[in-house]
Amino acid sequence: MKWIQELREGDNITEIYLCKKKQSLVTKAGKAYESLTLQDKTGSLDAKIWEPDSMGIDEFSELDYIEATGNITSYQGHLQFNIRRVRRCRDGECDPADYLPVSGLSVDDMYQKLLNLVDSVGDPYMKRLLEMFFREDEDFIKAFKKSSAAKAVHHGFVGGLLEHTLGVAQLCDYYSSAYPIIRRDLLVPAALLHDIGKTRELSLFPKNDYTDDGQLIGHIVLGVEMINDKLREIPDFPQALSSQLRHCILAHHGELEFGSPKKPALVEAAALFFADNTDAKFEIFKETFENALPQEAWVGYQSFLGSNIRRTIF
């Protein structure tokens, strides 16, 4: 099998991919065509069927595994698969694990590092809250390990939520040692909990799309609701600590225009916002480089970074 990450312009291939998205569109000239997003564990690929009614184009739907034949071209600096023939695969013909994008890091290793951070929290109330999520709630742990951190923007892969959460928490651990005004036993727990609502905002792979609650409520409020549910089970949890923790979660997007219900009023909330933004933006750089053609120095405009991006070359 030739992975998507290995494809190059000019390749003629017949390969099996997961059809992540399928749209029936019309060109400016009024000609019907189909636009697809194909996926394997190494990435995604734009694909087009320019003759959808021709012989050799079988019926298939989104989230089907398909065997497609065609050639790889380049369009506006990105690879595109022009499909001439396609068929829907039979059950058992491929291994679904080959088609789910996964973290390049070990989930077990990352989770152990996360548990080490849980163990390092000194405040007994905060530690108890963290243990209820990350050591005792088996359904939550299973979803947390498998969830992505986003549908498409950053860490959009199995284990992505864990990888992003660990990255943010490690940055916050550093902030706490570098800046004594920060209360570590508030910031590190807030970092570990800041995106737990994404386990309910996004469905698991292969769909990885917004749930009804994700669309209607969003992960920030969902996360606070999940925390409130656990807090009710902890006798005498300090009200001030509860309010400050929930504020950090509600303010972690930093600005109202970015979907944050509150702007940071605590130094810990500001630190969480900076760490969350840093980890997400660096991952966007990483994924932009990985998805660009290997010979490209300037890899194109990235809307989430607001800039045309270039590789660092010495």
Protein backbone atom coordinates (compact mmCIF):
# COMPACT_ATOMS: atom_id res chain seq x y z
CA MET A 1 0.00 0.00 0.00
CA LYS A 2 1.18 3.50 -0.82
CA TRP A 3 0.31 5.88 2.01
CA ILE A 4 -1.09 9.32 1.26
CA GLN A 5 2.00 10.88 2.81
CA GLU A 6 4.13 9.05 0.20
CA LEU A 7 2.20 10.21 -2.86
CA ARG A 8 3.88 12.48 -5.38
CA GLU A 9 2.71 14.40 -8.43
CA GLY A 10 2.63 12.12 -11.49
CA ASP A 11 1.86 8.91 -9.58
CA ASN A 12 -0.66 6.54 -11.16
CA ILE A 13 -2.23 4.48 -8.42
CA THR A 14 -4.91 1.98 -7.46
CA GLU A 15 -5.37 2.14 -3.70
CA ILE A 16 -7.97 1.72 -0.96
CA TYR A 17 -8.86 4.77 1.11
CA LEU A 18 -11.55 5.86 3.54
CA CYS A 19 -13.93 8.34 1.91
CA LYS A 20 -14.16 10.94 4.68
CA LYS A 21 -16.28 13.43 2.71
CA LYS A 22 -18.24 13.32 -0.54
CA GLN A 23 -19.94 16.27 -2.26
CA SER A 24 -21.79 16.49 -5.57
CA LEU A 25 -20.90 19.82 -7.20
CA VAL A 26 -21.20 21.65 -10.50
CA THR A 27 -18.47 23.52 -12.39
CA LYS A 28 -18.95 27.08 -13.63
CA ALA A 29 -19.71 25.56 -17.02
CA GLY A 30 -22.56 23.53 -15.50
CA LYS A 31 -20.81 20.14 -15.55
CA ALA A 32 -21.47 17.82 -12.61
CA TYR A 33 -18.55 16.34 -10.66
CA GLU A 34 -17.85 14.86 -7.24
CA SER A 35 -15.38 16.23 -4.72
CA LEU A 36 -13.97 13.81 -2.15
CA THR A 37 -11.72 13.91 0.86
CA LEU A 38 -9.88 10.60 1.20
CA GLN A 39 -8.02 9.51 4.29
CA ASP A 40 -5.55 7.00 5.63
CA LYS A 41 -3.57 7.02 8.87
CA THR A 42 -0.88 9.28 7.38
CA GLY A 43 -3.15 12.11 6.26
CA SER A 44 -5.90 13.27 3.93
CA LEU A 45 -6.10 13.83 0.17
CA ASP A 46 -8.33 15.97 -2.04
CA ALA A 47 -9.86 13.90 -4.85
CA LYS A 48 -12.14 14.60 -7.80
CA ILE A 49 -14.36 12.43 -10.00
CA TRP A 50 -14.84 14.51 -13.13
CA GLU A 51 -17.02 11.92 -14.91
CA PRO A 52 -19.30 10.62 -12.12
CA ASP A 53 -21.74 8.96 -14.56
CA SER A 54 -19.13 7.04 -16.53
CA MET A 55 -18.67 3.27 -16.44
CA GLY A 56 -16.35 2.15 -13.68
CA ILE A 57 -17.70 4.61 -11.11
CA ASP A 58 -19.65 2.50 -8.60
CA GLU A 59 -22.05 3.81 -5.98
CA PHE A 60 -20.53 4.62 -2.58
CA SER A 61 -21.12 6.97 0.36
CA GLU A 62 -19.21 8.96 2.96
CA LEU A 63 -17.35 6.74 5.45
CA ASP A 64 -17.16 3.88 2.94
CA TYR A 65 -13.83 2.29 2.12
CA ILE A 66 -13.25 2.61 -1.61
CA GLU A 67 -10.70 1.30 -4.10
CA ALA A 68 -9.87 4.15 -6.50
CA THR A 69 -7.77 4.27 -9.66
CA GLY A 70 -6.37 7.45 -11.14
CA ASN A 71 -3.45 9.86 -11.21
CA ILE A 72 -1.97 12.37 -8.78
CA THR A 73 -1.71 15.98 -9.93
CA SER A 74 -0.90 19.28 -8.23
CA TYR A 75 -3.49 22.05 -7.94
CA GLN A 76 -2.63 25.38 -6.29
CA GLY A 77 0.32 23.79 -4.56
CA HIS A 78 -1.55 20.81 -3.13
CA LEU A 79 -1.86 17.23 -4.35
CA GLN A 80 -5.12 16.18 -5.98
CA PHE A 81 -6.25 12.68 -6.95
CA ASN A 82 -8.14 12.55 -10.26
CA ILE A 83 -10.19 9.34 -10.10
CA ARG A 84 -11.11 7.36 -13.22
CA ARG A 85 -12.50 4.21 -11.57
CA VAL A 86 -13.84 3.51 -8.10
CA ARG A 87 -15.60 0.69 -6.30
CA ARG A 88 -16.90 0.23 -2.77
CA CYS A 89 -14.82 -2.28 -0.79
CA ARG A 90 -16.29 -5.42 0.70
CA ASP A 91 -16.35 -6.09 4.44
CA GLY A 92 -13.03 -7.43 5.65
CA GLU A 93 -11.14 -6.28 2.57
CA CYS A 94 -9.10 -3.72 4.52
CA ASP A 95 -8.00 -3.02 8.08
CA PRO A 96 -9.76 0.09 9.48
CA ALA A 97 -6.71 0.82 11.65
CA ASP A 98 -4.81 1.72 8.46
CA TYR A 99 -7.23 4.54 7.72
CA LEU A 100 -7.49 6.41 10.99
CA PRO A 101 -5.00 9.25 11.48
CA VAL A 102 -3.14 8.60 14.72
CA SER A 103 -0.72 10.45 16.95
CA GLY A 104 2.91 9.80 16.19
CA LEU A 105 3.48 9.42 19.93
CA SER A 106 2.64 6.46 22.14
CA VAL A 107 -0.76 6.88 23.77
CA ASP A 108 0.36 4.80 26.76
CA ASP A 109 3.51 6.89 27.27
CA MET A 110 1.57 10.16 26.97
CA TYR A 111 -1.09 9.00 29.40
CA GLN A 112 1.52 7.97 31.96
CA LYS A 113 3.08 11.44 31.73
CA LEU A 114 -0.36 12.93 32.24
CA LEU A 115 -0.88 10.75 35.34
CA ASN A 116 2.49 11.90 36.65
CA LEU A 117 1.21 15.48 36.44
CA VAL A 118 -1.96 14.42 38.28
CA ASP A 119 0.19 12.91 41.04
CA SER A 120 2.25 16.12 41.29
CA VAL A 121 -0.74 18.26 42.29
CA GLY A 122 -0.52 19.10 45.99
CA ASP A 123 -3.99 20.43 46.67
CA PRO A 124 -6.07 17.45 47.92
CA TYR A 125 -9.34 18.69 46.43
CA MET A 126 -7.85 19.29 43.00
CA LYS A 127 -6.04 15.96 43.04
CA ARG A 128 -9.26 14.17 43.96
CA LEU A 129 -11.10 15.85 41.08
CA LEU A 130 -8.37 14.86 38.62
CA GLU A 131 -8.30 11.27 39.88
CA MET A 132 -12.05 10.97 39.39
CA PHE A 133 -11.60 11.80 35.72
CA PHE A 134 -8.23 10.33 34.77
CA ARG A 135 -7.98 7.25 37.04
CA GLU A 136 -11.54 6.17 37.89
CA ASP A 137 -13.93 7.11 35.07
CA GLU A 138 -13.33 4.27 32.60
CA ASP A 139 -15.76 5.56 29.98
CA PHE A 140 -14.18 9.00 30.05
CA ILE A 141 -10.64 7.60 29.89
CA LYS A 142 -11.50 5.46 26.87
CA ALA A 143 -13.02 8.41 25.01
CA PHE A 144 -10.24 10.79 26.07
CA LYS A 145 -7.52 8.51 24.67
CA LYS A 146 -9.32 8.05 21.35
CA SER A 147 -10.60 11.59 20.78
CA SER A 148 -9.12 14.23 18.52
CA ALA A 149 -8.57 17.81 19.67
CA ALA A 150 -10.32 19.29 16.62
CA LYS A 151 -12.21 18.34 13.50
CA ALA A 152 -9.55 19.76 11.20
CA VAL A 153 -7.59 22.70 12.65
CA HIS A 154 -4.98 21.00 14.86
CA HIS A 155 -4.40 17.59 16.48
CA GLY A 156 -7.21 16.16 14.34
CA PHE A 157 -6.25 12.51 14.87
CA VAL A 158 -6.76 9.60 17.25
CA GLY A 159 -4.88 10.52 20.43
CA GLY A 160 -4.88 14.18 19.42
CA LEU A 161 -6.82 15.35 22.48
CA LEU A 162 -4.40 13.54 24.78
CA GLU A 163 -1.36 14.88 22.90
CA HIS A 164 -2.68 18.46 22.96
CA THR A 165 -3.72 18.28 26.63
CA LEU A 166 -0.32 16.95 27.65
CA GLY A 167 1.45 19.65 25.63
CA VAL A 168 -0.63 22.40 27.23
CA ALA A 169 -0.18 20.96 30.73
CA GLN A 170 3.60 20.70 30.30
CA LEU A 171 3.77 24.33 29.18
CA CYS A 172 1.69 25.32 32.20
CA ASP A 173 3.96 23.30 34.48
CA TYR A 174 6.88 25.33 33.12
CA TYR A 175 5.00 28.63 33.48
CA SER A 176 4.35 27.77 37.14
CA SER A 177 8.04 27.34 37.86
CA ALA A 178 9.14 30.37 35.83
CA TYR A 179 6.57 32.82 37.20
CA PRO A 180 6.00 32.59 40.97
CA ILE A 181 2.79 34.68 40.79
CA ILE A 182 1.09 31.63 39.26
CA ARG A 183 -0.61 29.11 41.56
CA ARG A 184 0.48 25.77 40.14
CA ASP A 185 -2.23 23.76 41.88
CA LEU A 186 -4.82 25.78 39.97
CA LEU A 187 -3.10 26.11 36.60
CA VAL A 188 -1.96 22.52 36.03
CA PRO A 189 -5.37 21.00 36.90
CA ALA A 190 -7.06 23.59 34.68
CA ALA A 191 -4.70 22.63 31.85
CA LEU A 192 -5.45 18.93 32.28
CA LEU A 193 -9.20 19.61 32.26
CA HIS A 194 -9.46 22.48 29.78
CA ASP A 195 -10.61 20.44 26.76
CA ILE A 196 -12.39 17.48 28.34
CA GLY A 197 -15.62 18.72 26.77
CA LYS A 198 -14.25 17.67 23.39
CA THR A 199 -14.98 14.06 24.31
CA ARG A 200 -18.65 15.09 23.93
CA GLU A 201 -18.27 17.80 21.30
CA LEU A 202 -16.80 15.51 18.63
CA SER A 203 -17.73 11.97 17.68
CA LEU A 204 -15.00 9.35 17.57
CA PHE A 205 -13.26 8.31 14.35
CA PRO A 206 -13.85 7.54 11.58
CA LYS A 207 -16.56 10.22 11.61
CA ASN A 208 -14.83 12.78 13.89
CA ASP A 209 -17.64 15.31 13.41
CA TYR A 210 -19.62 17.59 15.67
CA THR A 211 -22.29 15.98 17.84
CA ASP A 212 -25.58 17.75 18.50
CA ASP A 213 -24.24 18.97 21.85
CA GLY A 214 -21.05 20.02 20.12
CA GLN A 215 -23.01 22.20 17.72
CA LEU A 216 -25.51 23.54 20.25
CA ILE A 217 -23.37 23.95 23.37
CA GLY A 218 -19.66 23.56 22.54
CA HIS A 219 -16.75 21.97 24.36
CA ILE A 220 -16.05 24.83 26.77
CA VAL A 221 -19.47 24.77 28.42
CA LEU A 222 -19.69 20.98 28.12
CA GLY A 223 -16.38 20.72 29.98
CA VAL A 224 -17.60 22.97 32.81
CA GLU A 225 -20.76 20.85 33.08
CA MET A 226 -18.63 17.70 33.35
CA ILE A 227 -16.53 19.31 36.08
CA ASN A 228 -19.66 20.41 37.97
CA ASP A 229 -20.94 16.83 37.93
CA LYS A 230 -17.76 15.59 39.61
CA LEU A 231 -17.56 18.50 42.06
CA ARG A 232 -20.96 17.54 43.47
CA GLU A 233 -19.42 14.22 44.54
CA ILE A 234 -16.52 15.80 46.48
CA PRO A 235 -17.57 16.87 50.00
CA ASP A 236 -16.61 20.42 51.05
CA PHE A 237 -14.82 21.32 47.80
CA PRO A 238 -13.90 25.00 48.37
CA GLN A 239 -16.27 27.33 46.52
CA ALA A 240 -13.53 29.83 45.67
CA LEU A 241 -11.36 27.10 44.16
CA SER A 242 -14.32 25.77 42.19
CA SER A 243 -15.10 29.21 40.78
CA GLN A 244 -11.50 29.90 39.83
CA LEU A 245 -11.07 26.53 38.13
CA ARG A 246 -14.26 26.93 36.14
CA HIS A 247 -13.26 30.47 35.17
CA CYS A 248 -9.98 29.15 33.75
CA ILE A 249 -11.91 26.68 31.59
CA LEU A 250 -14.45 29.29 30.46
CA ALA A 251 -11.70 31.79 29.57
CA HIS A 252 -9.17 29.51 27.90
CA HIS A 253 -9.89 30.77 24.37
CA GLY A 254 -8.90 34.21 25.56
CA GLU A 255 -11.23 36.40 23.52
CA LEU A 256 -15.00 36.52 23.14
CA GLU A 257 -14.59 36.49 19.35
CA PHE A 258 -12.78 33.13 19.64
CA GLY A 259 -15.73 31.54 21.44
CA SER A 260 -14.57 32.20 24.98
CA PRO A 261 -17.56 32.90 27.31
CA LYS A 262 -15.25 34.97 29.52
CA LYS A 263 -11.96 36.83 29.08
CA PRO A 264 -9.18 35.87 31.50
CA ALA A 265 -9.47 37.61 34.86
CA LEU A 266 -6.93 35.43 36.67
CA VAL A 267 -3.24 35.11 35.87
CA GLU A 268 -3.76 31.34 35.72
CA ALA A 269 -6.54 31.77 33.16
CA ALA A 270 -4.27 33.99 31.07
CA ALA A 271 -1.45 31.44 31.31
CA LEU A 272 -3.80 28.65 30.22
CA PHE A 273 -4.93 30.71 27.23
CA PHE A 274 -1.31 31.37 26.19
CA ALA A 275 -0.34 27.69 26.57
CA ASP A 276 -3.40 26.46 24.67
CA ASN A 277 -2.78 28.92 21.85
CA THR A 278 0.94 28.10 21.69
CA ASP A 279 0.46 24.35 21.47
CA ALA A 280 -2.30 24.65 18.86
CA LYS A 281 -0.38 27.11 16.65
CA PHE A 282 2.85 25.08 16.69
CA GLU A 283 0.88 21.98 15.72
CA ILE A 284 -0.64 23.93 12.81
CA PHE A 285 2.91 24.78 11.65
CA LYS A 286 3.89 21.11 11.96
CA GLU A 287 0.87 19.81 10.05
CA THR A 288 1.26 22.49 7.36
CA PHE A 289 4.83 21.37 6.72
CA GLU A 290 3.84 17.69 6.67
CA ASN A 291 1.05 18.27 4.14
CA ALA A 292 3.15 20.38 1.75
CA LEU A 293 5.16 19.03 -1.14
CA PRO A 294 8.67 18.11 0.09
CA GLN A 295 10.46 20.39 -2.36
CA GLU A 296 8.47 23.48 -1.35
CA ALA A 297 10.13 26.17 0.79
CA TRP A 298 7.15 28.51 0.81
CA VAL A 299 4.28 26.18 1.69
CA GLY A 300 1.37 28.58 1.22
CA TYR A 301 -0.98 30.85 3.13
CA GLN A 302 -2.31 29.39 6.38
CA SER A 303 -5.53 31.14 7.39
CA PHE A 304 -5.35 30.13 11.06
CA LEU A 305 -1.87 31.65 11.29
CA GLY A 306 -2.73 34.60 9.08
CA SER A 307 0.50 34.36 7.12
CA ASN A 308 2.23 32.77 4.16
CA ILE A 309 4.39 30.05 5.73
CA ARG A 310 7.98 29.15 4.91
CA ARG A 311 10.16 26.30 6.09
CA THR A 312 13.31 27.24 8.00
CA ILE A 313 16.25 26.32 5.78
CA PHE A 314 19.94 26.77 6.63
